[in-house]
């Protein structure tokens, strides 16, 4: 039952990150179109989108670590087989969330890199 809820929570996290990034990329379509028209390569645009993901991911992981560290003692009675501040658990969860965030970024990043600058500039 706990595993099912963990998979559900991870799925919701992936959908949430994908939604936020897809919206962010959609809002910046003109910027990407202008950058591509001025000579930016696909790699430059991909790096730009992934840099935003890394900033969002880093702030979320740091905030999550702080909240988890503060709440570790009160939930000690619910933990079985791990200490409240188990570094391997923290590192494993952070790695899993980072991997899922990068996977959720792939589609919006590719859409941003494939923007046709002629269509974007013609809309203005």
PDB file of N, CA and C in Angstrom:
ATOM      1  N   UNK A   1       0.826  -1.191   0.000  1.00  0.00           N
ATOM      2  CA  UNK A   1       0.000   0.000   0.000  1.00  0.00           C
ATOM      3  C   UNK A   1       0.878   1.265   0.000  1.00  0.00           C
ATOM      4  N   UNK A   2       1.943   1.238   0.791  1.00  0.00           N
ATOM      5  CA  UNK A   2       2.838   2.392   0.843  1.00  0.00           C
ATOM      6  C   UNK A   2       3.539   2.567  -0.501  1.00  0.00           C
ATOM      7  N   UNK A   3       3.934   1.468  -1.110  1.00  0.00           N
ATOM      8  CA  UNK A   3       4.577   1.530  -2.421  1.00  0.00           C
ATOM      9  C   UNK A   3       3.660   2.121  -3.474  1.00  0.00           C
ATOM     10  N   UNK A   4       2.388   1.766  -3.411  1.00  0.00           N
ATOM     11  CA  UNK A   4       1.411   2.307  -4.357  1.00  0.00           C
ATOM     12  C   UNK A   4       1.282   3.815  -4.191  1.00  0.00           C
ATOM     13  N   UNK A   5       1.213   4.271  -2.950  1.00  0.00           N
ATOM     14  CA  UNK A   5       1.130   5.706  -2.712  1.00  0.00           C
ATOM     15  C   UNK A   5       2.416   6.413  -3.128  1.00  0.00           C
ATOM     16  N   UNK A   6       3.559   5.762  -2.966  1.00  0.00           N
ATOM     17  CA  UNK A   6       4.826   6.351  -3.393  1.00  0.00           C
ATOM     18  C   UNK A   6       4.860   6.514  -4.907  1.00  0.00           C
ATOM     19  N   UNK A   7       4.400   5.507  -5.632  1.00  0.00           N
ATOM     20  CA  UNK A   7       4.358   5.590  -7.095  1.00  0.00           C
ATOM     21  C   UNK A   7       3.370   6.673  -7.528  1.00  0.00           C
ATOM     22  N   UNK A   8       2.238   6.761  -6.853  1.00  0.00           N
ATOM     23  CA  UNK A   8       1.256   7.801  -7.165  1.00  0.00           C
ATOM     24  C   UNK A   8       1.840   9.193  -6.918  1.00  0.00           C
ATOM     25  N   UNK A   9       2.551   9.367  -5.810  1.00  0.00           N
ATOM     26  CA  UNK A   9       3.165  10.659  -5.505  1.00  0.00           C
ATOM     27  C   UNK A   9       4.225  11.020  -6.538  1.00  0.00           C
ATOM     28  N   UNK A  10       5.016  10.050  -6.945  1.00  0.00           N
ATOM     29  CA  UNK A  10       6.040  10.301  -7.958  1.00  0.00           C
ATOM     30  C   UNK A  10       5.398  10.652  -9.301  1.00  0.00           C
ATOM     31  N   UNK A  11       4.326   9.983  -9.646  1.00  0.00           N
ATOM     32  CA  UNK A  11       3.614  10.288 -10.888  1.00  0.00           C
ATOM     33  C   UNK A  11       3.052  11.704 -10.851  1.00  0.00           C
ATOM     34  N   UNK A  12       2.481  12.100  -9.733  1.00  0.00           N
ATOM     35  CA  UNK A  12       1.966  13.464  -9.603  1.00  0.00           C
ATOM     36  C   UNK A  12       3.091  14.493  -9.692  1.00  0.00           C
ATOM     37  N   UNK A  13       4.251  14.161  -9.141  1.00  0.00           N
ATOM     38  CA  UNK A  13       5.400  15.064  -9.225  1.00  0.00           C
ATOM     39  C   UNK A  13       5.849  15.226 -10.675  1.00  0.00           C
ATOM     40  N   UNK A  14       5.896  14.121 -11.410  1.00  0.00           N
ATOM     41  CA  UNK A  14       6.307  14.179 -12.819  1.00  0.00           C
ATOM     42  C   UNK A  14       5.317  15.023 -13.620  1.00  0.00           C
ATOM     43  N   UNK A  15       4.029  14.790 -13.415  1.00  0.00           N
ATOM     44  CA  UNK A  15       3.006  15.546 -14.141  1.00  0.00           C
ATOM     45  C   UNK A  15       3.080  17.024 -13.780  1.00  0.00           C
ATOM     46  N   UNK A  16       3.312  17.326 -12.515  1.00  0.00           N
ATOM     47  CA  UNK A  16       3.421  18.719 -12.084  1.00  0.00           C
ATOM     48  C   UNK A  16       4.616  19.426 -12.684  1.00  0.00           C
ATOM     49  N   UNK A  17       5.768  18.785 -12.661  1.00  0.00           N
ATOM     50  CA  UNK A  17       6.971  19.383 -13.246  1.00  0.00           C
ATOM     51  C   UNK A  17       6.779  19.563 -14.747  1.00  0.00           C
ATOM     52  N   UNK A  18       6.230  18.550 -15.406  1.00  0.00           N
ATOM     53  CA  UNK A  18       5.977  18.658 -16.844  1.00  0.00           C
ATOM     54  C   UNK A  18       5.039  19.820 -17.141  1.00  0.00           C
ATOM     55  N   UNK A  19       3.979  19.962 -16.363  1.00  0.00           N
ATOM     56  CA  UNK A  19       3.019  21.036 -16.589  1.00  0.00           C
ATOM     57  C   UNK A  19       3.628  22.413 -16.398  1.00  0.00           C
ATOM     58  N   UNK A  20       4.400  22.571 -15.345  1.00  0.00           N
ATOM     59  CA  UNK A  20       5.037  23.865 -15.085  1.00  0.00           C
ATOM     60  C   UNK A  20       6.026  24.205 -16.192  1.00  0.00           C
ATOM     61  N   UNK A  21       6.819  23.235 -16.595  1.00  0.00           N
ATOM     62  CA  UNK A  21       7.806  23.500 -17.634  1.00  0.00           C
ATOM     63  C   UNK A  21       7.168  23.705 -19.000  1.00  0.00           C
ATOM     64  N   UNK A  22       6.138  22.950 -19.313  1.00  0.00           N
ATOM     65  CA  UNK A  22       5.447  23.143 -20.585  1.00  0.00           C
ATOM     66  C   UNK A  22       4.832  24.541 -20.652  1.00  0.00           C
ATOM     67  N   UNK A  23       4.263  24.987 -19.554  1.00  0.00           N
ATOM     68  CA  UNK A  23       3.695  26.333 -19.503  1.00  0.00           C
ATOM     69  C   UNK A  23       4.788  27.392 -19.633  1.00  0.00           C
ATOM     70  N   UNK A  24       5.890  27.177 -18.940  1.00  0.00           N
ATOM     71  CA  UNK A  24       7.008  28.116 -18.992  1.00  0.00           C
ATOM     72  C   UNK A  24       7.576  28.215 -20.405  1.00  0.00           C
ATOM     73  N   UNK A  25       7.738  27.086 -21.065  1.00  0.00           N
ATOM     74  CA  UNK A  25       8.248  27.083 -22.435  1.00  0.00           C
ATOM     75  C   UNK A  25       7.254  27.770 -23.367  1.00  0.00           C
ATOM     76  N   UNK A  26       5.973  27.513 -23.181  1.00  0.00           N
ATOM     77  CA  UNK A  26       4.955  28.141 -24.023  1.00  0.00           C
ATOM     78  C   UNK A  26       4.972  29.656 -23.867  1.00  0.00           C
ATOM     79  N   UNK A  27       5.204  30.140 -22.663  1.00  0.00           N
ATOM     80  CA  UNK A  27       5.257  31.573 -22.428  1.00  0.00           C
ATOM     81  C   UNK A  27       6.483  32.217 -23.069  1.00  0.00           C
ATOM     82  N   UNK A  28       7.529  31.437 -23.290  1.00  0.00           N
ATOM     83  CA  UNK A  28       8.788  31.960 -23.817  1.00  0.00           C
ATOM     84  C   UNK A  28       9.021  31.592 -25.285  1.00  0.00           C
ATOM     85  N   UNK A  29       7.982  31.206 -26.005  1.00  0.00           N
ATOM     86  CA  UNK A  29       8.139  30.787 -27.398  1.00  0.00           C
ATOM     87  C   UNK A  29       8.740  31.919 -28.241  1.00  0.00           C
ATOM     88  N   UNK A  30       8.281  33.133 -28.046  1.00  0.00           N
ATOM     89  CA  UNK A  30       8.828  34.259 -28.821  1.00  0.00           C
ATOM     90  C   UNK A  30      10.316  34.434 -28.549  1.00  0.00           C
ATOM     91  N   UNK A  31      10.689  34.342 -27.284  1.00  0.00           N
ATOM     92  CA  UNK A  31      12.101  34.476 -26.935  1.00  0.00           C
ATOM     93  C   UNK A  31      12.931  33.410 -27.635  1.00  0.00           C
ATOM     94  N   UNK A  32      12.475  32.173 -27.594  1.00  0.00           N
ATOM     95  CA  UNK A  32      13.223  31.097 -28.248  1.00  0.00           C
ATOM     96  C   UNK A  32      13.273  31.305 -29.755  1.00  0.00           C
ATOM     97  N   UNK A  33      12.173  31.758 -30.340  1.00  0.00           N
ATOM     98  CA  UNK A  33      12.149  32.027 -31.774  1.00  0.00           C
ATOM     99  C   UNK A  33      13.145  33.105 -32.168  1.00  0.00           C
ATOM    100  N   UNK A  34      13.205  34.175 -31.376  1.00  0.00           N
ATOM    101  CA  UNK A  34      14.155  35.255 -31.656  1.00  0.00           C
ATOM    102  C   UNK A  34      15.586  34.756 -31.481  1.00  0.00           C
ATOM    103  N   UNK A  35      15.828  33.986 -30.439  1.00  0.00           N
ATOM    104  CA  UNK A  35      17.174  33.446 -30.218  1.00  0.00           C
ATOM    105  C   UNK A  35      17.602  32.557 -31.389  1.00  0.00           C
ATOM    106  N   UNK A  36      16.691  31.710 -31.842  1.00  0.00           N
ATOM    107  CA  UNK A  36      17.018  30.823 -32.967  1.00  0.00           C
ATOM    108  C   UNK A  36      17.241  31.642 -34.235  1.00  0.00           C
ATOM    109  N   UNK A  37      16.423  32.676 -34.438  1.00  0.00           N
ATOM    110  CA  UNK A  37      16.588  33.530 -35.619  1.00  0.00           C
ATOM    111  C   UNK A  37      17.923  34.269 -35.594  1.00  0.00           C
ATOM    112  N   UNK A  38      18.402  34.581 -34.404  1.00  0.00           N
ATOM    113  CA  UNK A  38      19.678  35.284 -34.288  1.00  0.00           C
ATOM    114  C   UNK A  38      20.879  34.345 -34.275  1.00  0.00           C
ATOM    115  N   UNK A  39      20.628  33.044 -34.394  1.00  0.00           N
ATOM    116  CA  UNK A  39      21.751  32.120 -34.533  1.00  0.00           C
ATOM    117  C   UNK A  39      21.942  31.124 -33.413  1.00  0.00           C
ATOM    118  N   UNK A  40      21.035  31.077 -32.465  1.00  0.00           N
ATOM    119  CA  UNK A  40      21.170  30.091 -31.387  1.00  0.00           C
ATOM    120  C   UNK A  40      20.957  28.688 -31.946  1.00  0.00           C
ATOM    121  N   UNK A  41      21.750  27.772 -31.484  1.00  0.00           N
ATOM    122  CA  UNK A  41      21.623  26.391 -31.938  1.00  0.00           C
ATOM    123  C   UNK A  41      20.609  25.651 -31.070  1.00  0.00           C
ATOM    124  N   UNK A  42      20.279  24.446 -31.487  1.00  0.00           N
ATOM    125  CA  UNK A  42      19.369  23.612 -30.705  1.00  0.00           C
ATOM    126  C   UNK A  42      19.947  23.357 -29.320  1.00  0.00           C
ATOM    127  N   UNK A  43      21.238  23.132 -29.262  1.00  0.00           N
ATOM    128  CA  UNK A  43      21.897  22.900 -27.979  1.00  0.00           C
ATOM    129  C   UNK A  43      21.798  24.088 -27.046  1.00  0.00           C
ATOM    130  N   UNK A  44      21.911  25.299 -27.597  1.00  0.00           N
ATOM    131  CA  UNK A  44      21.788  26.503 -26.763  1.00  0.00           C
ATOM    132  C   UNK A  44      20.398  26.605 -26.141  1.00  0.00           C
ATOM    133  N   UNK A  45      19.376  26.339 -26.940  1.00  0.00           N
ATOM    134  CA  UNK A  45      18.004  26.421 -26.438  1.00  0.00           C
ATOM    135  C   UNK A  45      17.751  25.319 -25.413  1.00  0.00           C
ATOM    136  N   UNK A  46      18.237  24.114 -25.696  1.00  0.00           N
ATOM    137  CA  UNK A  46      18.076  23.023 -24.731  1.00  0.00           C
ATOM    138  C   UNK A  46      18.760  23.352 -23.410  1.00  0.00           C
ATOM    139  N   UNK A  47      19.966  23.919 -23.489  1.00  0.00           N
ATOM    140  CA  UNK A  47      20.675  24.308 -22.258  1.00  0.00           C
ATOM    141  C   UNK A  47      19.900  25.358 -21.478  1.00  0.00           C
ATOM    142  N   UNK A  48      19.283  26.285 -22.190  1.00  0.00           N
ATOM    143  CA  UNK A  48      18.505  27.335 -21.539  1.00  0.00           C
ATOM    144  C   UNK A  48      17.318  26.760 -20.786  1.00  0.00           C
ATOM    145  N   UNK A  49      16.611  25.823 -21.405  1.00  0.00           N
ATOM    146  CA  UNK A  49      15.457  25.202 -20.748  1.00  0.00           C
ATOM    147  C   UNK A  49      15.917  24.339 -19.573  1.00  0.00           C
ATOM    148  N   UNK A  50      16.974  23.554 -19.781  1.00  0.00           N
ATOM    149  CA  UNK A  50      17.454  22.701 -18.698  1.00  0.00           C
ATOM    150  C   UNK A  50      18.038  23.508 -17.545  1.00  0.00           C
ATOM    151  N   UNK A  51      18.592  24.683 -17.819  1.00  0.00           N
ATOM    152  CA  UNK A  51      19.100  25.535 -16.741  1.00  0.00           C
ATOM    153  C   UNK A  51      17.955  25.983 -15.834  1.00  0.00           C
ATOM    154  N   UNK A  52      16.825  26.319 -16.429  1.00  0.00           N
ATOM    155  CA  UNK A  52      15.653  26.670 -15.620  1.00  0.00           C
ATOM    156  C   UNK A  52      15.177  25.503 -14.783  1.00  0.00           C
ATOM    157  N   UNK A  53      15.236  24.311 -15.367  1.00  0.00           N
ATOM    158  CA  UNK A  53      14.841  23.112 -14.628  1.00  0.00           C
ATOM    159  C   UNK A  53      15.774  22.863 -13.458  1.00  0.00           C
ATOM    160  N   UNK A  54      17.051  23.026 -13.687  1.00  0.00           N
ATOM    161  CA  UNK A  54      18.032  22.786 -12.623  1.00  0.00           C
ATOM    162  C   UNK A  54      17.849  23.790 -11.490  1.00  0.00           C
ATOM    163  N   UNK A  55      17.579  25.046 -11.829  1.00  0.00           N
ATOM    164  CA  UNK A  55      17.338  26.046 -10.771  1.00  0.00           C
ATOM    165  C   UNK A  55      16.111  25.678  -9.946  1.00  0.00           C
ATOM    166  N   UNK A  56      15.030  25.310 -10.632  1.00  0.00           N
ATOM    167  CA  UNK A  56      13.801  24.932  -9.934  1.00  0.00           C
ATOM    168  C   UNK A  56      14.032  23.672  -9.097  1.00  0.00           C
ATOM    169  N   UNK A  57      14.731  22.713  -9.666  1.00  0.00           N
ATOM    170  CA  UNK A  57      14.999  21.457  -8.980  1.00  0.00           C
ATOM    171  C   UNK A  57      15.879  21.665  -7.754  1.00  0.00           C
ATOM    172  N   UNK A  58      16.918  22.467  -7.884  1.00  0.00           N
ATOM    173  CA  UNK A  58      17.824  22.708  -6.762  1.00  0.00           C
ATOM    174  C   UNK A  58      17.109  23.403  -5.610  1.00  0.00           C
ATOM    175  N   UNK A  59      16.301  24.404  -5.934  1.00  0.00           N
ATOM    176  CA  UNK A  59      15.586  25.089  -4.852  1.00  0.00           C
ATOM    177  C   UNK A  59      14.576  24.161  -4.192  1.00  0.00           C
ATOM    178  N   UNK A  60      13.915  23.311  -4.969  1.00  0.00           N
ATOM    179  CA  UNK A  60      12.960  22.365  -4.398  1.00  0.00           C
ATOM    180  C   UNK A  60      13.628  21.317  -3.525  1.00  0.00           C
ATOM    181  N   UNK A  61      14.777  20.824  -3.947  1.00  0.00           N
ATOM    182  CA  UNK A  61      15.485  19.813  -3.152  1.00  0.00           C
ATOM    183  C   UNK A  61      16.008  20.419  -1.858  1.00  0.00           C
ATOM    184  N   UNK A  62      16.554  21.630  -1.924  1.00  0.00           N
ATOM    185  CA  UNK A  62      17.044  22.276  -0.705  1.00  0.00           C
ATOM    186  C   UNK A  62      15.894  22.531   0.263  1.00  0.00           C
ATOM    187  N   UNK A  63      14.790  23.046  -0.251  1.00  0.00           N
ATOM    188  CA  UNK A  63      13.622  23.291   0.602  1.00  0.00           C
ATOM    189  C   UNK A  63      13.085  21.977   1.173  1.00  0.00           C
ATOM    190  N   UNK A  64      13.074  20.938   0.357  1.00  0.00           N
ATOM    191  CA  UNK A  64      12.634  19.626   0.834  1.00  0.00           C
ATOM    192  C   UNK A  64      13.532  19.062   1.919  1.00  0.00           C
ATOM    193  N   UNK A  65      14.845  19.218   1.763  1.00  0.00           N
ATOM    194  CA  UNK A  65      15.782  18.755   2.797  1.00  0.00           C
ATOM    195  C   UNK A  65      15.561  19.490   4.115  1.00  0.00           C
ATOM    196  N   UNK A  66      15.375  20.793   4.028  1.00  0.00           N
ATOM    197  CA  UNK A  66      15.167  21.585   5.248  1.00  0.00           C
ATOM    198  C   UNK A  66      13.880  21.156   5.946  1.00  0.00           C
ATOM    199  N   UNK A  67      12.800  21.024   5.186  1.00  0.00           N
ATOM    200  CA  UNK A  67      11.521  20.610   5.781  1.00  0.00           C
ATOM    201  C   UNK A  67      11.604  19.190   6.342  1.00  0.00           C
ATOM    202  N   UNK A  68      12.264  18.295   5.621  1.00  0.00           N
ATOM    203  CA  UNK A  68      12.388  16.919   6.096  1.00  0.00           C
ATOM    204  C   UNK A  68      13.241  16.854   7.358  1.00  0.00           C
ATOM    205  N   UNK A  69      14.287  17.654   7.422  1.00  0.00           N
ATOM    206  CA  UNK A  69      15.131  17.660   8.615  1.00  0.00           C
ATOM    207  C   UNK A  69      14.376  18.213   9.821  1.00  0.00           C
ATOM    208  N   UNK A  70      13.545  19.225   9.587  1.00  0.00           N
ATOM    209  CA  UNK A  70      12.770  19.798  10.683  1.00  0.00           C
ATOM    210  C   UNK A  70      11.671  18.857  11.165  1.00  0.00           C
ATOM    211  N   UNK A  71      11.111  18.082  10.257  1.00  0.00           N
ATOM    212  CA  UNK A  71      10.018  17.180  10.618  1.00  0.00           C
ATOM    213  C   UNK A  71      10.481  15.764  10.935  1.00  0.00           C
ATOM    214  N   UNK A  72      11.775  15.518  10.919  1.00  0.00           N
ATOM    215  CA  UNK A  72      12.283  14.157  11.126  1.00  0.00           C
ATOM    216  C   UNK A  72      11.998  13.643  12.533  1.00  0.00           C
ATOM    217  N   UNK A  73      12.227  14.448  13.510  1.00  0.00           N
ATOM    218  CA  UNK A  73      12.017  14.002  14.897  1.00  0.00           C
ATOM    219  C   UNK A  73      10.553  13.696  15.216  1.00  0.00           C
ATOM    220  N   UNK A  74       9.599  14.543  14.815  1.00  0.00           N
ATOM    221  CA  UNK A  74       8.206  14.236  15.143  1.00  0.00           C
ATOM    222  C   UNK A  74       7.667  12.955  14.491  1.00  0.00           C
ATOM    223  N   UNK A  75       8.226  12.539  13.362  1.00  0.00           N
ATOM    224  CA  UNK A  75       7.705  11.347  12.691  1.00  0.00           C
ATOM    225  C   UNK A  75       8.567  10.112  12.953  1.00  0.00           C
ATOM    226  N   UNK A  76       9.421  10.163  13.948  1.00  0.00           N
ATOM    227  CA  UNK A  76      10.305   9.038  14.252  1.00  0.00           C
ATOM    228  C   UNK A  76       9.519   7.754  14.517  1.00  0.00           C
ATOM    229  N   UNK A  77       8.367   7.845  15.143  1.00  0.00           N
ATOM    230  CA  UNK A  77       7.591   6.645  15.466  1.00  0.00           C
ATOM    231  C   UNK A  77       7.043   5.953  14.209  1.00  0.00           C
ATOM    232  N   UNK A  78       6.974   6.665  13.091  1.00  0.00           N
ATOM    233  CA  UNK A  78       6.470   6.075  11.848  1.00  0.00           C
ATOM    234  C   UNK A  78       7.562   5.439  10.997  1.00  0.00           C
ATOM    235  N   UNK A  79       8.817   5.667  11.349  1.00  0.00           N
ATOM    236  CA  UNK A  79       9.937   5.167  10.551  1.00  0.00           C
ATOM    237  C   UNK A  79      10.347   3.792  11.051  1.00  0.00           C
ATOM    238  N   UNK A  80      10.472   2.859  10.122  1.00  0.00           N
ATOM    239  CA  UNK A  80      10.882   1.505  10.477  1.00  0.00           C
ATOM    240  C   UNK A  80      12.122   1.147   9.676  1.00  0.00           C
ATOM    241  N   UNK A  81      13.206   0.872  10.359  1.00  0.00           N
ATOM    242  CA  UNK A  81      14.429   0.427   9.705  1.00  0.00           C
ATOM    243  C   UNK A  81      15.342   1.533   9.221  1.00  0.00           C
ATOM    244  N   UNK A  82      14.979   2.789   9.424  1.00  0.00           N
ATOM    245  CA  UNK A  82      15.858   3.903   9.069  1.00  0.00           C
ATOM    246  C   UNK A  82      15.892   4.903  10.203  1.00  0.00           C
ATOM    247  N   UNK A  83      16.980   5.625  10.292  1.00  0.00           N
ATOM    248  CA  UNK A  83      17.078   6.689  11.287  1.00  0.00           C
ATOM    249  C   UNK A  83      16.376   7.931  10.734  1.00  0.00           C
ATOM    250  N   UNK A  84      15.999   8.859  11.588  1.00  0.00           N
ATOM    251  CA  UNK A  84      15.259  10.034  11.112  1.00  0.00           C
ATOM    252  C   UNK A  84      16.024  10.877  10.084  1.00  0.00           C
ATOM    253  N   UNK A  85      17.331  10.937  10.193  1.00  0.00           N
ATOM    254  CA  UNK A  85      18.130  11.732   9.264  1.00  0.00           C
ATOM    255  C   UNK A  85      19.068  10.831   8.463  1.00  0.00           C
ATOM    256  N   UNK A  86      18.542   9.767   7.890  1.00  0.00           N
ATOM    257  CA  UNK A  86      19.331   8.809   7.127  1.00  0.00           C
ATOM    258  C   UNK A  86      19.801   9.450   5.821  1.00  0.00           C
ATOM    259  N   UNK A  87      21.107   9.601   5.666  1.00  0.00           N
ATOM    260  CA  UNK A  87      21.648  10.286   4.495  1.00  0.00           C
ATOM    261  C   UNK A  87      21.418   9.507   3.199  1.00  0.00           C
ATOM    262  N   UNK A  88      21.445   8.190   3.266  1.00  0.00           N
ATOM    263  CA  UNK A  88      21.216   7.394   2.059  1.00  0.00           C
ATOM    264  C   UNK A  88      19.773   7.562   1.559  1.00  0.00           C
ATOM    265  N   UNK A  89      18.835   7.628   2.465  1.00  0.00           N
ATOM    266  CA  UNK A  89      17.443   7.840   2.071  1.00  0.00           C
ATOM    267  C   UNK A  89      17.264   9.216   1.447  1.00  0.00           C
ATOM    268  N   UNK A  90      17.843  10.225   2.084  1.00  0.00           N
ATOM    269  CA  UNK A  90      17.762  11.580   1.547  1.00  0.00           C
ATOM    270  C   UNK A  90      18.397  11.656   0.169  1.00  0.00           C
ATOM    271  N   UNK A  91      19.568  11.054   0.011  1.00  0.00           N
ATOM    272  CA  UNK A  91      20.261  11.083  -1.284  1.00  0.00           C
ATOM    273  C   UNK A  91      19.491  10.296  -2.341  1.00  0.00           C
ATOM    274  N   UNK A  92      18.940   9.166  -1.963  1.00  0.00           N
ATOM    275  CA  UNK A  92      18.168   8.366  -2.911  1.00  0.00           C
ATOM    276  C   UNK A  92      16.927   9.084  -3.400  1.00  0.00           C
ATOM    277  N   UNK A  93      16.219   9.712  -2.484  1.00  0.00           N
ATOM    278  CA  UNK A  93      15.005  10.450  -2.862  1.00  0.00           C
ATOM    279  C   UNK A  93      15.364  11.645  -3.740  1.00  0.00           C
ATOM    280  N   UNK A  94      16.419  12.371  -3.380  1.00  0.00           N
ATOM    281  CA  UNK A  94      16.834  13.523  -4.189  1.00  0.00           C
ATOM    282  C   UNK A  94      17.251  13.079  -5.590  1.00  0.00           C
ATOM    283  N   UNK A  95      17.947  11.969  -5.693  1.00  0.00           N
ATOM    284  CA  UNK A  95      18.363  11.454  -6.999  1.00  0.00           C
ATOM    285  C   UNK A  95      17.161  11.032  -7.825  1.00  0.00           C
ATOM    286  N   UNK A  96      16.215  10.346  -7.207  1.00  0.00           N
ATOM    287  CA  UNK A  96      15.015   9.909  -7.922  1.00  0.00           C
ATOM    288  C   UNK A  96      14.203  11.101  -8.424  1.00  0.00           C
ATOM    289  N   UNK A  97      14.070  12.113  -7.596  1.00  0.00           N
ATOM    290  CA  UNK A  97      13.326  13.303  -8.005  1.00  0.00           C
ATOM    291  C   UNK A  97      14.076  14.042  -9.118  1.00  0.00           C
ATOM    292  N   UNK A  98      15.392  14.103  -9.041  1.00  0.00           N
ATOM    293  CA  UNK A  98      16.178  14.764 -10.086  1.00  0.00           C
ATOM    294  C   UNK A  98      16.034  14.031 -11.418  1.00  0.00           C
ATOM    295  N   UNK A  99      16.087  12.719 -11.391  1.00  0.00           N
ATOM    296  CA  UNK A  99      15.949  11.941 -12.620  1.00  0.00           C
ATOM    297  C   UNK A  99      14.569  12.140 -13.235  1.00  0.00           C
ATOM    298  N   UNK A 100      13.539  12.107 -12.409  1.00  0.00           N
ATOM    299  CA  UNK A 100      12.186  12.290 -12.943  1.00  0.00           C
ATOM    300  C   UNK A 100      11.975  13.703 -13.474  1.00  0.00           C
ATOM    301  N   UNK A 101      12.583  14.702 -12.822  1.00  0.00           N
ATOM    302  CA  UNK A 101      12.446  16.080 -13.308  1.00  0.00           C
ATOM    303  C   UNK A 101      13.134  16.256 -14.655  1.00  0.00           C
ATOM    304  N   UNK A 102      14.294  15.646 -14.814  1.00  0.00           N
ATOM    305  CA  UNK A 102      14.996  15.735 -16.104  1.00  0.00           C
ATOM    306  C   UNK A 102      14.190  15.027 -17.190  1.00  0.00           C
ATOM    307  N   UNK A 103      13.622  13.876 -16.871  1.00  0.00           N
ATOM    308  CA  UNK A 103      12.791  13.164 -17.853  1.00  0.00           C
ATOM    309  C   UNK A 103      11.551  13.972 -18.219  1.00  0.00           C
ATOM    310  N   UNK A 104      10.958  14.640 -17.243  1.00  0.00           N
ATOM    311  CA  UNK A 104       9.771  15.454 -17.513  1.00  0.00           C
ATOM    312  C   UNK A 104      10.120  16.706 -18.312  1.00  0.00           C
ATOM    313  N   UNK A 105      11.379  17.100 -18.318  1.00  0.00           N
ATOM    314  CA  UNK A 105      11.814  18.292 -19.036  1.00  0.00           C
ATOM    315  C   UNK A 105      12.077  18.014 -20.511  1.00  0.00           C
ATOM    316  N   UNK A 106      12.283  16.769 -20.872  1.00  0.00           N
ATOM    317  CA  UNK A 106      12.698  16.442 -22.228  1.00  0.00           C
ATOM    318  C   UNK A 106      11.713  16.940 -23.295  1.00  0.00           C
ATOM    319  N   UNK A 107      10.436  16.696 -23.111  1.00  0.00           N
ATOM    320  CA  UNK A 107       9.451  17.086 -24.128  1.00  0.00           C
ATOM    321  C   UNK A 107       9.340  18.611 -24.254  1.00  0.00           C
ATOM    322  N   UNK A 108       9.176  19.368 -23.149  1.00  0.00           N
ATOM    323  CA  UNK A 108       9.137  20.829 -23.311  1.00  0.00           C
ATOM    324  C   UNK A 108      10.439  21.406 -23.876  1.00  0.00           C
ATOM    325  N   UNK A 109      11.570  20.828 -23.506  1.00  0.00           N
ATOM    326  CA  UNK A 109      12.841  21.331 -24.028  1.00  0.00           C
ATOM    327  C   UNK A 109      12.941  21.080 -25.528  1.00  0.00           C
ATOM    328  N   UNK A 110      12.503  19.923 -25.969  1.00  0.00           N
ATOM    329  CA  UNK A 110      12.547  19.620 -27.392  1.00  0.00           C
ATOM    330  C   UNK A 110      11.600  20.514 -28.173  1.00  0.00           C
ATOM    331  N   UNK A 111      10.435  20.795 -27.605  1.00  0.00           N
ATOM    332  CA  UNK A 111       9.488  21.707 -28.261  1.00  0.00           C
ATOM    333  C   UNK A 111      10.092  23.104 -28.394  1.00  0.00           C
ATOM    334  N   UNK A 112      10.810  23.540 -27.360  1.00  0.00           N
ATOM    335  CA  UNK A 112      11.440  24.859 -27.406  1.00  0.00           C
ATOM    336  C   UNK A 112      12.535  24.898 -28.457  1.00  0.00           C
ATOM    337  N   UNK A 113      13.278  23.814 -28.596  1.00  0.00           N
ATOM    338  CA  UNK A 113      14.379  23.776 -29.563  1.00  0.00           C
ATOM    339  C   UNK A 113      13.871  23.695 -30.996  1.00  0.00           C
ATOM    340  N   UNK A 114      12.663  23.205 -31.188  1.00  0.00           N
ATOM    341  CA  UNK A 114      12.120  23.036 -32.541  1.00  0.00           C
ATOM    342  C   UNK A 114      11.199  24.172 -32.966  1.00  0.00           C
ATOM    343  N   UNK A 115      11.234  25.282 -32.254  1.00  0.00           N
ATOM    344  CA  UNK A 115      10.389  26.421 -32.604  1.00  0.00           C
ATOM    345  C   UNK A 115      10.850  26.969 -33.950  1.00  0.00           C
ATOM    346  N   UNK A 116       9.890  27.221 -34.834  1.00  0.00           N
ATOM    347  CA  UNK A 116      10.203  27.806 -36.134  1.00  0.00           C
ATOM    348  C   UNK A 116      10.236  29.318 -35.987  1.00  0.00           C
ATOM    349  N   UNK A 117      11.401  29.931 -36.144  1.00  0.00           N
ATOM    350  CA  UNK A 117      11.486  31.391 -35.919  1.00  0.00           C
ATOM    351  C   UNK A 117      10.647  32.209 -36.900  1.00  0.00           C
ATOM    352  N   UNK A 118      10.448  31.707 -38.098  1.00  0.00           N
ATOM    353  CA  UNK A 118       9.651  32.448 -39.087  1.00  0.00           C
ATOM    354  C   UNK A 118       8.199  32.558 -38.621  1.00  0.00           C
ATOM    355  N   UNK A 119       7.655  31.465 -38.104  1.00  0.00           N
ATOM    356  CA  UNK A 119       6.275  31.470 -37.624  1.00  0.00           C
ATOM    357  C   UNK A 119       6.141  32.389 -36.412  1.00  0.00           C
ATOM    358  N   UNK A 120       7.111  32.327 -35.514  1.00  0.00           N
ATOM    359  CA  UNK A 120       7.048  33.152 -34.300  1.00  0.00           C
ATOM    360  C   UNK A 120       7.163  34.623 -34.644  1.00  0.00           C
ATOM    361  N   UNK A 121       8.094  34.966 -35.514  1.00  0.00           N
ATOM    362  CA  UNK A 121       8.275  36.365 -35.869  1.00  0.00           C
ATOM    363  C   UNK A 121       7.131  36.890 -36.742  1.00  0.00           C
ATOM    364  N   UNK A 122       6.523  36.045 -37.516  1.00  0.00           N
ATOM    365  CA  UNK A 122       5.389  36.448 -38.351  1.00  0.00           C
ATOM    366  C   UNK A 122       4.169  36.779 -37.487  1.00  0.00           C
ATOM    367  N   UNK A 123       4.017  36.128 -36.330  1.00  0.00           N
ATOM    368  CA  UNK A 123       2.876  36.382 -35.449  1.00  0.00           C
ATOM    369  C   UNK A 123       2.926  37.769 -34.843  1.00  0.00           C
ATOM    370  N   UNK A 124       4.110  38.373 -34.772  1.00  0.00           N
ATOM    371  CA  UNK A 124       4.217  39.722 -34.211  1.00  0.00           C
ATOM    372  C   UNK A 124       3.750  40.682 -35.219  1.00  0.00           C
TER     373      UNK A 124
END
